[in-house]
């Protein structure tokens, strides 16, 4: 499959080159798109330099810090326009370990969306604080129960979509960022009847720099779930009730990378 890994960046200069080297060591045939939000530390300039050195690397420059969700939407549209078969979401901070990429590439061959799950057997968050575990785990449970999402890790940001999903779930209507963006994309994918597979990953805190997590991102996800649950439902869709809608299949797989 022709695949594209989308990596939004903001002040990730120290991580960028070693991350790309790690990615290509695991998935040498994939392409990579860096979506930089005018990073003050020169991440965009470094990305351009790497792109001149390696034809697999492409760069989109944006005018400022416009948000994670819009960065991925820009990347998805790039993937559609350039006829990629599948597109990844991946953080620039090494919290999404490139060693799991072969598992994603294997599973996307027979799935529409592959989610790197922290909350199935083989997955985990070994160096998180109890508070962060509570916020993330509680947020997942809240979204799953309120929206009837039969996915263990609906806020996960390490994932891979087939192009057909991105073409048909209404990217221009996606409003959320951060955790809310991941929940909304999962929900939209399920409502269209696509097949989701969860593959286990080990998620660790970023190596260099500061976390982009904020109270605003958490609150946005919470309000998105409430608004979707109690607001006007999309037309011509079967409401989710805690189990897959007709045509949906949710699967868990074991990861050879974790053994």
Protein backbone atom coordinates (compact mmCIF):
# COMPACT_ATOMS: atom_id res chain seq x y z
CA UNK A 1 0.00 0.00 0.00
CA UNK A 2 1.07 3.57 -0.67
CA UNK A 3 1.16 5.09 2.84
CA UNK A 4 1.71 8.52 4.32
CA UNK A 5 2.66 9.33 7.90
CA UNK A 6 1.36 12.77 8.97
CA UNK A 7 3.30 14.48 11.76
CA UNK A 8 2.10 17.88 13.04
CA UNK A 9 4.93 19.91 14.56
CA UNK A 10 5.35 22.93 16.78
CA UNK A 11 8.80 23.45 18.34
CA UNK A 12 9.97 19.89 17.67
CA UNK A 13 13.38 20.64 16.12
CA UNK A 14 15.30 18.46 18.58
CA UNK A 15 13.06 15.45 17.93
CA UNK A 16 12.56 15.71 14.20
CA UNK A 17 15.64 14.18 12.60
CA UNK A 18 16.05 11.24 15.04
CA UNK A 19 12.31 10.53 14.79
CA UNK A 20 12.39 10.36 11.00
CA UNK A 21 15.41 8.08 11.11
CA UNK A 22 13.55 5.77 13.50
CA UNK A 23 10.43 5.80 11.32
CA UNK A 24 12.26 4.92 8.14
CA UNK A 25 14.15 2.14 9.90
CA UNK A 26 10.76 0.49 10.58
CA UNK A 27 8.83 1.55 7.48
CA UNK A 28 11.32 2.45 4.74
CA UNK A 29 8.73 2.48 1.94
CA UNK A 30 6.33 4.96 3.52
CA UNK A 31 6.23 8.69 2.80
CA UNK A 32 6.11 11.33 5.51
CA UNK A 33 4.34 14.68 5.68
CA UNK A 34 5.38 17.28 8.27
CA UNK A 35 2.71 19.89 8.99
CA UNK A 36 4.50 22.71 10.77
CA UNK A 37 2.67 25.55 12.48
CA UNK A 38 5.37 28.20 12.03
CA UNK A 39 7.52 26.83 14.87
CA UNK A 40 9.67 29.56 16.47
CA UNK A 41 12.52 27.08 17.04
CA UNK A 42 13.09 26.47 13.32
CA UNK A 43 11.37 23.10 13.01
CA UNK A 44 9.91 24.11 9.65
CA UNK A 45 13.28 25.11 8.23
CA UNK A 46 14.81 21.83 9.35
CA UNK A 47 11.89 19.95 7.79
CA UNK A 48 12.55 21.70 4.48
CA UNK A 49 16.21 20.74 4.69
CA UNK A 50 15.35 17.09 5.33
CA UNK A 51 12.83 17.14 2.46
CA UNK A 52 15.58 18.32 0.10
CA UNK A 53 17.72 15.39 1.25
CA UNK A 54 15.00 12.71 1.11
CA UNK A 55 12.26 12.55 -1.53
CA UNK A 56 10.01 10.58 0.86
CA UNK A 57 9.62 13.67 3.09
CA UNK A 58 7.13 16.46 2.33
CA UNK A 59 6.30 19.64 4.24
CA UNK A 60 3.27 21.87 4.71
CA UNK A 61 3.88 25.25 6.35
CA UNK A 62 1.01 26.96 8.15
CA UNK A 63 0.82 30.54 9.34
CA UNK A 64 0.64 29.82 13.09
CA UNK A 65 -0.44 27.47 15.82
CA UNK A 66 -3.82 26.44 14.36
CA UNK A 67 -4.47 23.26 16.31
CA UNK A 68 -3.82 19.53 16.07
CA UNK A 69 -7.12 18.65 14.45
CA UNK A 70 -6.78 21.12 11.59
CA UNK A 71 -3.18 19.96 11.04
CA UNK A 72 -4.37 16.39 10.58
CA UNK A 73 -7.24 17.50 8.35
CA UNK A 74 -4.71 19.30 6.13
CA UNK A 75 -2.60 16.15 6.07
CA UNK A 76 -5.57 13.92 5.25
CA UNK A 77 -6.54 16.15 2.34
CA UNK A 78 -2.96 16.00 1.10
CA UNK A 79 -3.12 12.19 1.28
CA UNK A 80 -6.37 12.13 -0.69
CA UNK A 81 -5.10 14.58 -3.32
CA UNK A 82 -1.89 12.58 -3.80
CA UNK A 83 -3.64 9.21 -3.99
CA UNK A 84 -2.21 7.53 -0.91
CA UNK A 85 -3.95 4.32 0.11
CA UNK A 86 -3.59 4.96 3.85
CA UNK A 87 -2.62 7.83 6.16
CA UNK A 88 -1.19 7.72 9.67
CA UNK A 89 -1.53 10.10 12.58
CA UNK A 90 1.67 10.24 14.62
CA UNK A 91 3.10 12.59 17.25
CA UNK A 92 6.53 14.18 16.83
CA UNK A 93 7.69 13.58 20.40
CA UNK A 94 8.48 9.82 20.40
CA UNK A 95 5.44 9.06 22.55
CA UNK A 96 4.27 7.10 19.50
CA UNK A 97 7.05 4.57 19.14
CA UNK A 98 8.00 3.86 15.50
CA UNK A 99 8.67 0.21 16.37
CA UNK A 100 4.91 -0.39 16.21
CA UNK A 101 4.61 0.78 12.60
CA UNK A 102 4.97 -2.73 11.11
CA UNK A 103 1.96 -3.84 13.18
CA UNK A 104 -0.15 -0.99 11.79
CA UNK A 105 0.95 -1.72 8.23
CA UNK A 106 -0.01 -5.36 8.66
CA UNK A 107 -3.45 -4.64 10.13
CA UNK A 108 -4.46 -1.87 7.72
CA UNK A 109 -4.37 -4.47 4.94
CA UNK A 110 -7.70 -5.83 6.24
CA UNK A 111 -9.11 -2.89 8.23
CA UNK A 112 -10.43 0.60 7.54
CA UNK A 113 -8.99 2.19 10.68
CA UNK A 114 -6.24 0.83 12.92
CA UNK A 115 -5.97 2.39 16.38
CA UNK A 116 -2.88 2.01 18.54
CA UNK A 117 -4.52 1.14 21.85
CA UNK A 118 -3.10 1.65 25.33
CA UNK A 119 -6.04 -0.15 26.92
CA UNK A 120 -5.99 -3.65 25.44
CA UNK A 121 -3.75 -6.59 26.31
CA UNK A 122 -0.16 -5.75 25.39
CA UNK A 123 -0.75 -1.98 25.56
CA UNK A 124 0.19 0.34 28.39
CA UNK A 125 1.33 3.70 29.76
CA UNK A 126 4.26 2.70 32.00
CA UNK A 127 5.54 6.11 33.07
CA UNK A 128 2.31 8.05 33.50
CA UNK A 129 1.29 9.65 36.78
CA UNK A 130 -1.87 8.40 38.54
CA UNK A 131 -3.58 11.70 37.65
CA UNK A 132 -2.86 11.35 33.96
CA UNK A 133 -4.03 7.74 33.98
CA UNK A 134 -7.25 8.87 35.64
CA UNK A 135 -7.86 11.68 33.12
CA UNK A 136 -7.13 9.56 30.06
CA UNK A 137 -8.81 6.36 31.26
CA UNK A 138 -11.79 8.23 32.66
CA UNK A 139 -12.16 10.23 29.47
CA UNK A 140 -12.20 7.07 27.40
CA UNK A 141 -14.82 5.43 29.59
CA UNK A 142 -16.95 8.58 29.53
CA UNK A 143 -16.85 8.84 25.72
CA UNK A 144 -17.46 5.13 25.21
CA UNK A 145 -20.47 5.04 27.52
CA UNK A 146 -22.04 8.31 26.42
CA UNK A 147 -21.62 7.72 22.68
CA UNK A 148 -21.78 3.94 22.63
CA UNK A 149 -18.33 3.63 21.06
CA UNK A 150 -17.19 -0.02 21.17
CA UNK A 151 -13.50 0.92 21.08
CA UNK A 152 -11.19 0.61 24.08
CA UNK A 153 -9.03 3.65 23.25
CA UNK A 154 -11.11 6.19 21.36
CA UNK A 155 -8.81 9.10 22.36
CA UNK A 156 -5.65 7.45 20.97
CA UNK A 157 -3.67 9.61 18.56
CA UNK A 158 -1.53 6.89 16.98
CA UNK A 159 -3.68 5.50 14.19
CA UNK A 160 -3.96 4.73 10.48
CA UNK A 161 -6.91 5.36 8.14
CA UNK A 162 -7.63 4.01 4.70
CA UNK A 163 -8.18 6.75 2.15
CA UNK A 164 -11.77 5.67 1.56
CA UNK A 165 -12.62 6.46 5.19
CA UNK A 166 -11.13 9.94 4.93
CA UNK A 167 -13.04 10.58 1.70
CA UNK A 168 -16.40 9.63 3.20
CA UNK A 169 -16.60 10.78 6.83
CA UNK A 170 -16.96 14.50 6.14
CA UNK A 171 -13.58 16.02 7.01
CA UNK A 172 -14.83 19.56 6.45
CA UNK A 173 -17.38 19.07 9.22
CA UNK A 174 -14.88 17.99 11.89
CA UNK A 175 -14.73 20.66 14.59
CA UNK A 176 -12.70 19.24 17.48
CA UNK A 177 -9.02 19.34 18.45
CA UNK A 178 -6.87 17.18 20.76
CA UNK A 179 -8.71 14.37 22.56
CA UNK A 180 -11.99 15.61 21.14
CA UNK A 181 -10.67 15.30 17.60
CA UNK A 182 -9.77 11.64 18.12
CA UNK A 183 -13.17 10.87 19.65
CA UNK A 184 -14.99 12.65 16.84
CA UNK A 185 -13.00 10.88 14.13
CA UNK A 186 -13.64 7.50 15.77
CA UNK A 187 -17.35 8.26 16.09
CA UNK A 188 -17.63 9.38 12.46
CA UNK A 189 -15.80 6.27 11.26
CA UNK A 190 -18.12 3.98 13.22
CA UNK A 191 -21.26 5.72 12.03
CA UNK A 192 -20.25 5.03 8.44
CA UNK A 193 -19.97 1.31 9.20
CA UNK A 194 -16.22 0.96 8.74
CA UNK A 195 -14.12 -1.79 10.30
CA UNK A 196 -11.84 -0.79 13.17
CA UNK A 197 -8.95 -2.86 14.52
CA UNK A 198 -7.11 -2.02 17.75
CA UNK A 199 -3.47 -3.01 18.01
CA UNK A 200 -1.58 -2.65 21.32
CA UNK A 201 1.05 0.04 21.82
CA UNK A 202 3.19 1.17 24.72
CA UNK A 203 2.77 4.92 25.14
CA UNK A 204 5.47 6.89 26.95
CA UNK A 205 5.86 10.57 27.78
CA UNK A 206 7.73 12.75 25.32
CA UNK A 207 11.54 12.65 25.34
CA UNK A 208 12.28 16.32 24.70
CA UNK A 209 10.25 19.52 25.09
CA UNK A 210 7.00 20.30 26.84
CA UNK A 211 3.69 18.48 26.63
CA UNK A 212 1.02 20.11 24.45
CA UNK A 213 -1.73 18.83 26.76
CA UNK A 214 -3.87 21.51 28.41
CA UNK A 215 -7.05 21.90 30.42
CA UNK A 216 -8.69 23.46 27.35
CA UNK A 217 -8.13 20.28 25.31
CA UNK A 218 -9.66 18.09 28.02
CA UNK A 219 -12.69 20.36 28.44
CA UNK A 220 -13.23 20.48 24.67
CA UNK A 221 -13.36 16.68 24.49
CA UNK A 222 -15.82 16.56 27.39
CA UNK A 223 -18.13 19.14 25.81
CA UNK A 224 -17.94 17.45 22.39
CA UNK A 225 -19.19 14.20 23.91
CA UNK A 226 -22.05 15.94 25.70
CA UNK A 227 -23.01 17.99 22.66
CA UNK A 228 -22.99 14.92 20.42
CA UNK A 229 -24.90 12.78 22.92
CA UNK A 230 -27.65 15.27 23.67
CA UNK A 231 -27.64 17.45 20.58
CA UNK A 232 -29.17 16.88 17.16
CA UNK A 233 -28.12 13.52 15.75
CA UNK A 234 -26.70 13.28 12.21
CA UNK A 235 -29.32 12.31 9.67
CA UNK A 236 -29.50 8.94 7.92
CA UNK A 237 -27.29 7.17 10.44
CA UNK A 238 -28.11 4.36 12.86
CA UNK A 239 -27.42 5.56 16.44
CA UNK A 240 -24.68 3.67 18.24
CA UNK A 241 -25.89 1.79 21.31
CA UNK A 242 -22.74 0.35 22.86
CA UNK A 243 -22.21 -2.32 20.19
CA UNK A 244 -21.14 -1.97 16.57
CA UNK A 245 -23.67 -0.76 14.04
CA UNK A 246 -24.44 -3.18 11.19
CA UNK A 247 -21.31 -3.62 9.10
CA UNK A 248 -18.93 -2.57 11.89
CA UNK A 249 -16.31 -4.95 13.20
CA UNK A 250 -14.13 -4.05 16.16
CA UNK A 251 -11.15 -6.32 16.63
CA UNK A 252 -8.21 -6.56 19.00
CA UNK A 253 -4.94 -7.99 17.81
CA UNK A 254 -1.75 -9.08 19.51
CA UNK A 255 1.41 -7.19 18.66
CA UNK A 256 4.58 -9.04 17.79
CA UNK A 257 6.47 -5.86 18.68
CA UNK A 258 5.56 -6.21 22.35
CA UNK A 259 6.97 -9.67 22.80
